[in-house]
Amino acid sequence: MEYPSFYDEAPCIIMYDPLADFLGAIPGGRVEYRYIDVVKLAGHSCPTTAGAFLMVAKGLTALYQDQVPERGAISAALRADRTDGATGVAAKIVCLITGAAQDDGFKGLGGRFDRRNLLSFGAAIPGDLRLTRLDTKREVDLRFVSSVVPAPRDFGNQIQRALSNDATDQERKMFVASWQERVRRILVDQHANPDLVVIS
């Protein structure tokens, strides 16, 4: 499968999934989540998908330090309502990596592995996302500041031209290059910038 090579340069999130281990889906339960997994889930790559991926990555590092985070043992709260903007996309990425789901999540086996009601919206939090460890109750708030990596000055014109019925191949290619270059800068050049994902 072809995709921009910089996706592989983005941070990799390693989780332990006890359910996958218990059922033998992934012996040992060690799961790697890469940015390409997010792209497959969302069907696209954009600043929102990149920002959600980085917020989860940085939040898990803050909560677990040198430990491997446990999938299904984390709750997630988003400040925005479920239908606001691209909140639904971000929530699906959070769910993919952490296992946190609403009432439609996995109901568990024998009282274990229940992943329902761990994802909520409209939370009164200072950031965009709050992750909480269920075992220690330790929590971390995260805010993605997309303006740290702004779009090119003429980006509005590029997207309008690319969307038009008479756009040339060259115009579409210019738009794609600008779009993915911004994502690349977020994931690769600026991912360690503390102003990009603010942690509290």
Protein backbone atom coordinates (compact mmCIF):
# COMPACT_ATOMS: atom_id res chain seq x y z
CA MET A 1 0.00 0.00 0.00
CA GLU A 2 1.34 3.39 -0.97
CA TYR A 3 1.30 6.33 1.41
CA PRO A 4 3.57 9.31 2.20
CA SER A 5 6.83 8.01 3.66
CA PHE A 6 6.83 10.52 6.52
CA TYR A 7 3.97 8.61 8.17
CA ASP A 8 6.59 6.09 9.26
CA GLU A 9 8.64 8.86 10.89
CA ALA A 10 5.82 9.79 13.29
CA PRO A 11 6.02 8.49 16.87
CA CYS A 12 4.91 4.91 17.48
CA ILE A 13 2.55 4.16 20.37
CA ILE A 14 3.02 0.80 22.09
CA MET A 15 0.19 -0.55 24.23
CA TYR A 16 -0.49 -3.69 26.23
CA ASP A 17 -3.95 -5.04 25.46
CA PRO A 18 -4.92 -7.67 28.07
CA LEU A 19 -8.01 -8.67 26.10
CA ALA A 20 -6.00 -9.36 22.94
CA ASP A 21 -3.56 -11.33 25.10
CA PHE A 22 -6.31 -13.30 26.87
CA LEU A 23 -8.05 -14.28 23.62
CA GLY A 24 -4.82 -15.06 21.81
CA ALA A 25 -5.48 -12.41 19.16
CA ILE A 26 -2.05 -10.95 19.81
CA PRO A 27 0.09 -13.31 21.93
CA GLY A 28 1.70 -11.24 24.66
CA GLY A 29 -0.79 -8.43 24.03
CA ARG A 30 1.80 -5.97 22.75
CA VAL A 31 0.16 -3.73 20.14
CA GLU A 32 1.84 -1.03 18.06
CA TYR A 33 -0.19 1.89 16.79
CA ARG A 34 1.31 3.96 14.01
CA TYR A 35 0.01 7.01 12.23
CA ILE A 36 -0.94 4.91 9.20
CA ASP A 37 -3.41 3.05 11.46
CA VAL A 38 -5.09 6.37 12.22
CA VAL A 39 -5.23 7.21 8.50
CA LYS A 40 -6.87 3.86 7.75
CA LEU A 41 -9.43 4.45 10.49
CA ALA A 42 -10.28 8.03 9.52
CA GLY A 43 -9.89 7.55 5.78
CA HIS A 44 -7.71 10.64 5.57
CA SER A 45 -4.72 12.48 7.01
CA CYS A 46 -5.06 16.04 8.29
CA PRO A 47 -4.00 18.30 11.17
CA THR A 48 -6.90 16.97 13.27
CA THR A 49 -5.89 13.32 12.87
CA ALA A 50 -2.25 14.20 13.48
CA GLY A 51 -3.15 16.29 16.53
CA ALA A 52 -5.35 13.60 18.06
CA PHE A 53 -2.63 11.00 17.53
CA LEU A 54 0.00 13.21 19.18
CA MET A 55 -2.26 14.14 22.10
CA VAL A 56 -2.84 10.48 22.88
CA ALA A 57 0.85 9.65 22.48
CA LYS A 58 1.99 12.46 24.77
CA GLY A 59 -0.81 11.88 27.25
CA LEU A 60 0.06 8.20 27.63
CA THR A 61 3.73 9.04 28.10
CA ALA A 62 2.82 11.52 30.83
CA LEU A 63 0.57 9.01 32.59
CA TYR A 64 2.75 5.92 32.34
CA GLN A 65 6.30 7.31 32.08
CA ASP A 66 8.49 4.27 31.33
CA GLN A 67 5.67 1.73 31.71
CA VAL A 68 3.72 0.30 28.80
CA PRO A 69 0.18 1.78 28.86
CA GLU A 70 -2.69 -0.66 29.26
CA ARG A 71 -5.42 -0.51 26.65
CA GLY A 72 -8.85 -0.60 28.24
CA ALA A 73 -7.59 0.83 31.53
CA ILE A 74 -7.87 4.48 30.53
CA SER A 75 -10.85 6.82 30.40
CA ALA A 76 -11.00 9.72 27.96
CA ALA A 77 -13.01 12.93 28.08
CA LEU A 78 -13.24 15.48 25.27
CA ARG A 79 -14.22 19.08 25.90
CA ALA A 80 -16.21 19.46 22.67
CA ASP A 81 -19.58 17.90 22.04
CA ARG A 82 -19.64 14.70 19.99
CA THR A 83 -20.97 16.36 16.83
CA ASP A 84 -18.84 19.52 16.99
CA GLY A 85 -16.47 19.96 14.05
CA ALA A 86 -14.04 17.07 13.77
CA THR A 87 -14.55 15.88 17.37
CA GLY A 88 -15.99 12.57 16.18
CA VAL A 89 -12.86 11.85 14.18
CA ALA A 90 -10.61 12.66 17.13
CA ALA A 91 -12.75 10.49 19.43
CA LYS A 92 -12.44 7.49 17.12
CA ILE A 93 -8.66 7.85 17.20
CA VAL A 94 -8.71 8.04 21.00
CA CYS A 95 -10.90 4.92 21.08
CA LEU A 96 -8.67 3.04 18.63
CA ILE A 97 -5.56 3.50 20.75
CA THR A 98 -6.87 3.53 24.33
CA GLY A 99 -9.88 1.23 23.93
CA ALA A 100 -12.08 3.81 25.69
CA ALA A 101 -15.61 3.64 24.29
CA GLN A 102 -19.12 4.87 25.01
CA ASP A 103 -21.94 2.50 25.88
CA ASP A 104 -21.44 0.66 22.58
CA GLY A 105 -17.99 -0.61 23.58
CA PHE A 106 -16.96 -4.15 24.42
CA LYS A 107 -19.00 -5.34 27.41
CA GLY A 108 -16.31 -7.62 28.81
CA LEU A 109 -15.95 -11.27 29.78
CA GLY A 110 -16.66 -12.56 33.27
CA GLY A 111 -16.53 -9.08 34.73
CA ARG A 112 -13.21 -8.24 33.08
CA PHE A 113 -12.21 -6.23 30.00
CA ASP A 114 -15.31 -3.98 30.07
CA ARG A 115 -14.58 -0.94 27.91
CA ARG A 116 -17.97 0.72 28.01
CA ASN A 117 -18.60 4.23 29.33
CA LEU A 118 -14.93 5.20 29.30
CA LEU A 119 -15.35 7.88 26.61
CA SER A 120 -17.29 11.10 27.20
CA PHE A 121 -17.92 14.44 25.52
CA GLY A 122 -18.73 17.98 26.62
CA ALA A 123 -16.39 17.72 29.59
CA ALA A 124 -15.59 20.79 31.70
CA ILE A 125 -11.83 20.52 31.20
CA PRO A 126 -9.19 23.15 30.34
CA GLY A 127 -7.77 21.26 27.36
CA ASP A 128 -9.18 19.40 24.37
CA LEU A 129 -8.71 15.96 25.89
CA ARG A 130 -8.30 14.45 29.36
CA LEU A 131 -6.89 10.95 29.82
CA THR A 132 -7.24 9.24 33.20
CA ARG A 133 -5.67 6.00 34.43
CA LEU A 134 -8.34 3.86 36.03
CA ASP A 135 -5.89 2.21 38.43
CA THR A 136 -4.17 5.27 39.90
CA LYS A 137 -6.78 7.94 38.97
CA ARG A 138 -3.93 10.07 37.71
CA GLU A 139 -5.06 12.35 34.90
CA VAL A 140 -3.53 14.57 32.25
CA ASP A 141 -5.08 17.35 30.16
CA LEU A 142 -3.93 17.98 26.61
CA ARG A 143 -4.53 20.74 24.12
CA PHE A 144 -3.54 20.66 20.45
CA VAL A 145 -2.55 24.10 19.12
CA SER A 146 -2.73 23.72 15.35
CA SER A 147 -1.70 27.34 14.76
CA VAL A 148 1.85 26.41 15.79
CA VAL A 149 2.10 24.89 12.31
CA PRO A 150 0.02 27.25 10.15
CA ALA A 151 -1.25 26.47 6.68
CA PRO A 152 0.50 28.20 3.76
CA ARG A 153 -0.68 31.75 3.10
CA ASP A 154 -2.36 30.81 -0.20
CA PHE A 155 -3.85 27.56 1.10
CA GLY A 156 -7.44 28.80 0.89
CA ASN A 157 -7.02 29.41 -2.82
CA GLN A 158 -5.33 26.05 -3.29
CA ILE A 159 -8.17 24.09 -1.71
CA GLN A 160 -10.83 26.05 -3.60
CA ARG A 161 -9.08 25.38 -6.89
CA ALA A 162 -8.59 21.68 -6.05
CA LEU A 163 -12.31 21.35 -5.25
CA SER A 164 -13.44 23.02 -8.47
CA ASN A 165 -14.62 20.88 -11.36
CA ASP A 166 -12.13 22.45 -13.75
CA ALA A 167 -9.06 22.02 -11.51
CA THR A 168 -5.97 20.87 -13.38
CA ASP A 169 -3.86 17.90 -12.31
CA GLN A 170 -1.12 20.34 -11.37
CA GLU A 171 -3.47 22.34 -9.12
CA ARG A 172 -4.62 19.17 -7.36
CA LYS A 173 -1.04 18.05 -6.88
CA MET A 174 -0.08 21.43 -5.42
CA PHE A 175 -2.95 21.20 -2.95
CA VAL A 176 -2.06 17.64 -1.89
CA ALA A 177 1.59 18.61 -1.45
CA SER A 178 0.69 21.60 0.74
CA TRP A 179 -1.83 19.61 2.78
CA GLN A 180 0.48 16.72 3.54
CA GLU A 181 3.48 18.98 4.11
CA ARG A 182 1.60 20.64 6.97
CA VAL A 183 0.79 17.23 8.45
CA ARG A 184 4.44 16.21 8.05
CA ARG A 185 5.61 19.29 9.93
CA ILE A 186 3.19 18.51 12.77
CA LEU A 187 4.14 14.84 13.08
CA VAL A 188 7.84 15.00 12.32
CA ASP A 189 9.35 18.49 12.58
CA GLN A 190 7.31 19.85 15.48
CA HIS A 191 6.01 16.81 17.38
CA ALA A 192 8.38 17.47 20.30
CA ASN A 193 7.52 21.19 20.45
CA PRO A 194 5.82 21.77 23.85
CA ASP A 195 3.75 24.57 22.32
CA LEU A 196 2.13 22.17 19.82
CA VAL A 197 0.60 19.79 22.36
CA VAL A 198 0.24 21.59 25.69
CA ILE A 199 0.21 19.21 28.66
CA SER A 200 -1.16 20.04 32.11
